[in-house]
Every structure is written in structure tokens, then in C-alpha cells.
C-alpha atoms as a PDB file:
ATOM      1  CA  UNK A   1     145.644  52.418  27.159  1.00  0.00           C
ATOM      2  CA  UNK A   2     148.670  54.702  27.005  1.00  0.00           C
ATOM      3  CA  UNK A   3     148.448  57.340  24.324  1.00  0.00           C
ATOM      4  CA  UNK A   4     151.727  59.209  24.926  1.00  0.00           C
ATOM      5  CA  UNK A   5     153.043  57.992  21.559  1.00  0.00           C
ATOM      6  CA  UNK A   6     150.169  59.547  19.668  1.00  0.00           C
ATOM      7  CA  UNK A   7     151.298  61.112  16.371  1.00  0.00           C
ATOM      8  CA  UNK A   8     151.527  64.864  16.568  1.00  0.00           C
ATOM      9  CA  UNK A   9     152.465  64.974  20.260  1.00  0.00           C
ATOM     10  CA  UNK A  10     156.075  63.818  19.974  1.00  0.00           C
ATOM     11  CA  UNK A  11     157.467  67.355  20.107  1.00  0.00           C
ATOM     12  CA  UNK A  12     155.464  68.276  23.198  1.00  0.00           C
ATOM     13  CA  UNK A  13     157.028  68.569  26.611  1.00  0.00           C
ATOM     14  CA  UNK A  14     156.977  65.196  28.452  1.00  0.00           C
ATOM     15  CA  UNK A  15     154.743  66.679  31.165  1.00  0.00           C
ATOM     16  CA  UNK A  16     152.270  67.813  28.496  1.00  0.00           C
ATOM     17  CA  UNK A  17     152.337  64.373  26.858  1.00  0.00           C
ATOM     18  CA  UNK A  18     151.713  62.774  30.259  1.00  0.00           C
ATOM     19  CA  UNK A  19     148.767  65.082  30.992  1.00  0.00           C
ATOM     20  CA  UNK A  20     147.358  64.461  27.510  1.00  0.00           C
ATOM     21  CA  UNK A  21     147.647  60.693  28.036  1.00  0.00           C
ATOM     22  CA  UNK A  22     145.922  60.990  31.434  1.00  0.00           C
ATOM     23  CA  UNK A  23     143.042  62.990  29.958  1.00  0.00           C
ATOM     24  CA  UNK A  24     142.687  60.616  27.016  1.00  0.00           C
ATOM     25  CA  UNK A  25     142.636  57.623  29.350  1.00  0.00           C
ATOM     26  CA  UNK A  26     139.795  59.315  31.224  1.00  0.00           C
ATOM     27  CA  UNK A  27     137.944  59.929  27.951  1.00  0.00           C
ATOM     28  CA  UNK A  28     138.441  56.265  26.975  1.00  0.00           C
ATOM     29  CA  UNK A  29     136.997  55.156  30.326  1.00  0.00           C
ATOM     30  CA  UNK A  30     133.994  57.450  29.913  1.00  0.00           C
ATOM     31  CA  UNK A  31     133.414  56.150  26.368  1.00  0.00           C
ATOM     32  CA  UNK A  32     133.448  52.581  27.694  1.00  0.00           C
ATOM     33  CA  UNK A  33     130.947  53.513  30.416  1.00  0.00           C
ATOM     34  CA  UNK A  34     128.665  55.202  27.853  1.00  0.00           C
ATOM     35  CA  UNK A  35     128.699  52.083  25.659  1.00  0.00           C
ATOM     36  CA  UNK A  36     127.873  49.851  28.633  1.00  0.00           C
ATOM     37  CA  UNK A  37     125.088  52.179  29.785  1.00  0.00           C
ATOM     38  CA  UNK A  38     123.608  52.234  26.275  1.00  0.00           C
ATOM     39  CA  UNK A  39     123.751  48.428  26.170  1.00  0.00           C
ATOM     40  CA  UNK A  40     121.808  48.262  29.450  1.00  0.00           C
ATOM     41  CA  UNK A  41     119.311  50.825  28.186  1.00  0.00           C
ATOM     42  CA  UNK A  42     118.702  48.829  25.009  1.00  0.00           C
ATOM     43  CA  UNK A  43     118.251  45.608  27.012  1.00  0.00           C
ATOM     44  CA  UNK A  44     115.439  47.356  28.900  1.00  0.00           C
ATOM     45  CA  UNK A  45     113.877  48.849  25.766  1.00  0.00           C
ATOM     46  CA  UNK A  46     113.938  45.425  24.080  1.00  0.00           C
ATOM     47  CA  UNK A  47     111.876  44.102  26.996  1.00  0.00           C
ATOM     48  CA  UNK A  48     109.479  47.032  26.557  1.00  0.00           C
ATOM     49  CA  UNK A  49     109.224  46.176  22.856  1.00  0.00           C
ATOM     50  CA  UNK A  50     108.309  42.560  23.608  1.00  0.00           C
ATOM     51  CA  UNK A  51     105.721  43.653  26.173  1.00  0.00           C
ATOM     52  CA  UNK A  52     104.182  46.133  23.729  1.00  0.00           C
ATOM     53  CA  UNK A  53     104.102  43.529  20.964  1.00  0.00           C
ATOM     54  CA  UNK A  54     102.427  40.903  23.166  1.00  0.00           C
ATOM     55  CA  UNK A  55      99.707  43.408  24.065  1.00  0.00           C
ATOM     56  CA  UNK A  56      99.402  44.980  20.606  1.00  0.00           C
ATOM     57  CA  UNK A  57     100.553  48.389  21.799  1.00  0.00           C
ATOM     58  CA  UNK A  58     102.082  50.773  19.251  1.00  0.00           C
ATOM     59  CA  UNK A  59     105.895  50.815  18.948  1.00  0.00           C
ATOM     60  CA  UNK A  60     106.051  54.593  19.500  1.00  0.00           C
ATOM     61  CA  UNK A  61     104.626  56.635  22.376  1.00  0.00           C
ATOM     62  CA  UNK A  62     104.805  60.292  21.392  1.00  0.00           C
ATOM     63  CA  UNK A  63     103.646  61.590  24.782  1.00  0.00           C
ATOM     64  CA  UNK A  64     106.366  59.596  26.577  1.00  0.00           C
ATOM     65  CA  UNK A  65     108.968  60.725  24.040  1.00  0.00           C
ATOM     66  CA  UNK A  66     108.017  64.392  24.564  1.00  0.00           C
ATOM     67  CA  UNK A  67     108.262  63.993  28.349  1.00  0.00           C
ATOM     68  CA  UNK A  68     111.645  62.293  28.029  1.00  0.00           C
ATOM     69  CA  UNK A  69     112.998  65.013  25.741  1.00  0.00           C
ATOM     70  CA  UNK A  70     111.863  67.749  28.120  1.00  0.00           C
ATOM     71  CA  UNK A  71     113.345  65.838  31.058  1.00  0.00           C
ATOM     72  CA  UNK A  72     116.664  65.290  29.254  1.00  0.00           C
ATOM     73  CA  UNK A  73     116.884  68.943  28.210  1.00  0.00           C
ATOM     74  CA  UNK A  74     116.499  69.960  31.868  1.00  0.00           C
ATOM     75  CA  UNK A  75     119.120  67.425  32.950  1.00  0.00           C
ATOM     76  CA  UNK A  76     121.465  68.722  30.249  1.00  0.00           C
ATOM     77  CA  UNK A  77     120.978  72.337  31.288  1.00  0.00           C
ATOM     78  CA  UNK A  78     121.684  71.430  34.926  1.00  0.00           C
ATOM     79  CA  UNK A  79     124.822  69.551  33.843  1.00  0.00           C
ATOM     80  CA  UNK A  80     126.007  72.496  31.706  1.00  0.00           C
ATOM     81  CA  UNK A  81     125.572  70.419  28.528  1.00  0.00           C
ATOM     82  CA  UNK A  82     124.026  71.913  25.404  1.00  0.00           C
ATOM     83  CA  UNK A  83     120.328  70.898  25.640  1.00  0.00           C
ATOM     84  CA  UNK A  84     120.017  70.901  21.841  1.00  0.00           C
ATOM     85  CA  UNK A  85     122.820  68.331  21.639  1.00  0.00           C
ATOM     86  CA  UNK A  86     121.179  66.227  24.364  1.00  0.00           C
ATOM     87  CA  UNK A  87     117.866  66.351  22.478  1.00  0.00           C
ATOM     88  CA  UNK A  88     119.518  65.277  19.215  1.00  0.00           C
ATOM     89  CA  UNK A  89     121.229  62.409  21.037  1.00  0.00           C
ATOM     90  CA  UNK A  90     117.975  61.249  22.642  1.00  0.00           C
ATOM     91  CA  UNK A  91     116.082  61.557  19.341  1.00  0.00           C
ATOM     92  CA  UNK A  92     118.693  59.298  17.733  1.00  0.00           C
ATOM     93  CA  UNK A  93     118.236  56.727  20.512  1.00  0.00           C
ATOM     94  CA  UNK A  94     114.431  56.961  20.366  1.00  0.00           C
ATOM     95  CA  UNK A  95     114.456  56.393  16.600  1.00  0.00           C
ATOM     96  CA  UNK A  96     116.569  53.259  17.090  1.00  0.00           C
ATOM     97  CA  UNK A  97     114.298  51.999  19.880  1.00  0.00           C
ATOM     98  CA  UNK A  98     111.192  52.513  17.719  1.00  0.00           C
ATOM     99  CA  UNK A  99     112.900  50.651  14.867  1.00  0.00           C
ATOM    100  CA  UNK A 100     113.574  47.742  17.259  1.00  0.00           C
ATOM    101  CA  UNK A 101     109.986  47.830  18.562  1.00  0.00           C
ATOM    102  CA  UNK A 102     108.602  47.766  15.019  1.00  0.00           C
ATOM    103  CA  UNK A 103     110.771  44.742  14.194  1.00  0.00           C
ATOM    104  CA  UNK A 104     109.704  42.962  17.397  1.00  0.00           C
ATOM    105  CA  UNK A 105     106.035  43.690  16.631  1.00  0.00           C
ATOM    106  CA  UNK A 106     106.435  42.371  13.081  1.00  0.00           C
ATOM    107  CA  UNK A 107     108.196  39.235  14.345  1.00  0.00           C
ATOM    108  CA  UNK A 108     105.422  38.709  16.894  1.00  0.00           C
ATOM    109  CA  UNK A 109     102.715  38.989  14.221  1.00  0.00           C
ATOM    110  CA  UNK A 110     104.657  36.600  11.951  1.00  0.00           C
ATOM    111  CA  UNK A 111     105.242  34.124  14.779  1.00  0.00           C
ATOM    112  CA  UNK A 112     109.026  34.496  14.577  1.00  0.00           C
ATOM    113  CA  UNK A 113     109.484  36.440  17.816  1.00  0.00           C
ATOM    114  CA  UNK A 114     112.061  34.812  20.076  1.00  0.00           C
ATOM    115  CA  UNK A 115     110.455  36.380  23.150  1.00  0.00           C
ATOM    116  CA  UNK A 116     112.971  36.415  25.986  1.00  0.00           C
ATOM    117  CA  UNK A 117     112.109  34.337  29.010  1.00  0.00           C
ATOM    118  CA  UNK A 118     110.890  36.210  32.053  1.00  0.00           C
ATOM    119  CA  UNK A 119     113.852  36.228  34.402  1.00  0.00           C
END
């Protein structure tokens, strides 16, 4: 995706526009990778949700969540990323996962769970 025609950059030097386009292309690629990684993560957490529901385990696991937050904060610090931001991001993901697990558990109890086949 070429972004050199982005509004507001038309007066910039062509070399600056080229560098801006290169950086934005990199950002676009990273965004795509993040989306794909999140999709893979949610595929795995859906499987966890089905397993928990089949064995009547609670949708949330506060001890695991606390360990994951501590782990992510350390990873963020080592990567020079604001650990508070990383924690907020993980909390958002955890809340969504729990919501999915609650829905899966409810569907399992109601007999409407389309449990994925074991592949």
C-alpha cells in the first residue's frame, strides 16, 4: 500500500514523502501481523473455553490472569514498551476471552454448543 499521496504530505520533500511511505508500509505490515496473531490466540482460547465448559471449570482463572499480567509487564519492560499499556492491552484481551468462555459455557449447558471437532 503506497501512502505517498496522503493528504497533508503533498508539500513535503519527495525524499521525506518516500520515507514516510516506507515507514507507514512497515506499520501496515505490523498491524496485519498483530491481527493475525490475535486471531491465532483467540482460536486457542476458544479451545480452552470448550475444554473448560465440558469439564465445568469456571470461565475465569484469576491466578493465571495475574501470572500472565506479571509476565507481560516484564516482557514489556524488556522490550522498552510501557508496562502499564501492555497490562491494559492484556486486560482488554482477557475480558474478551472470559466473555467468550462464559458464552461457550452457557451454550454447553443449554445444549447449543457447536463444540469443535478434535483435530
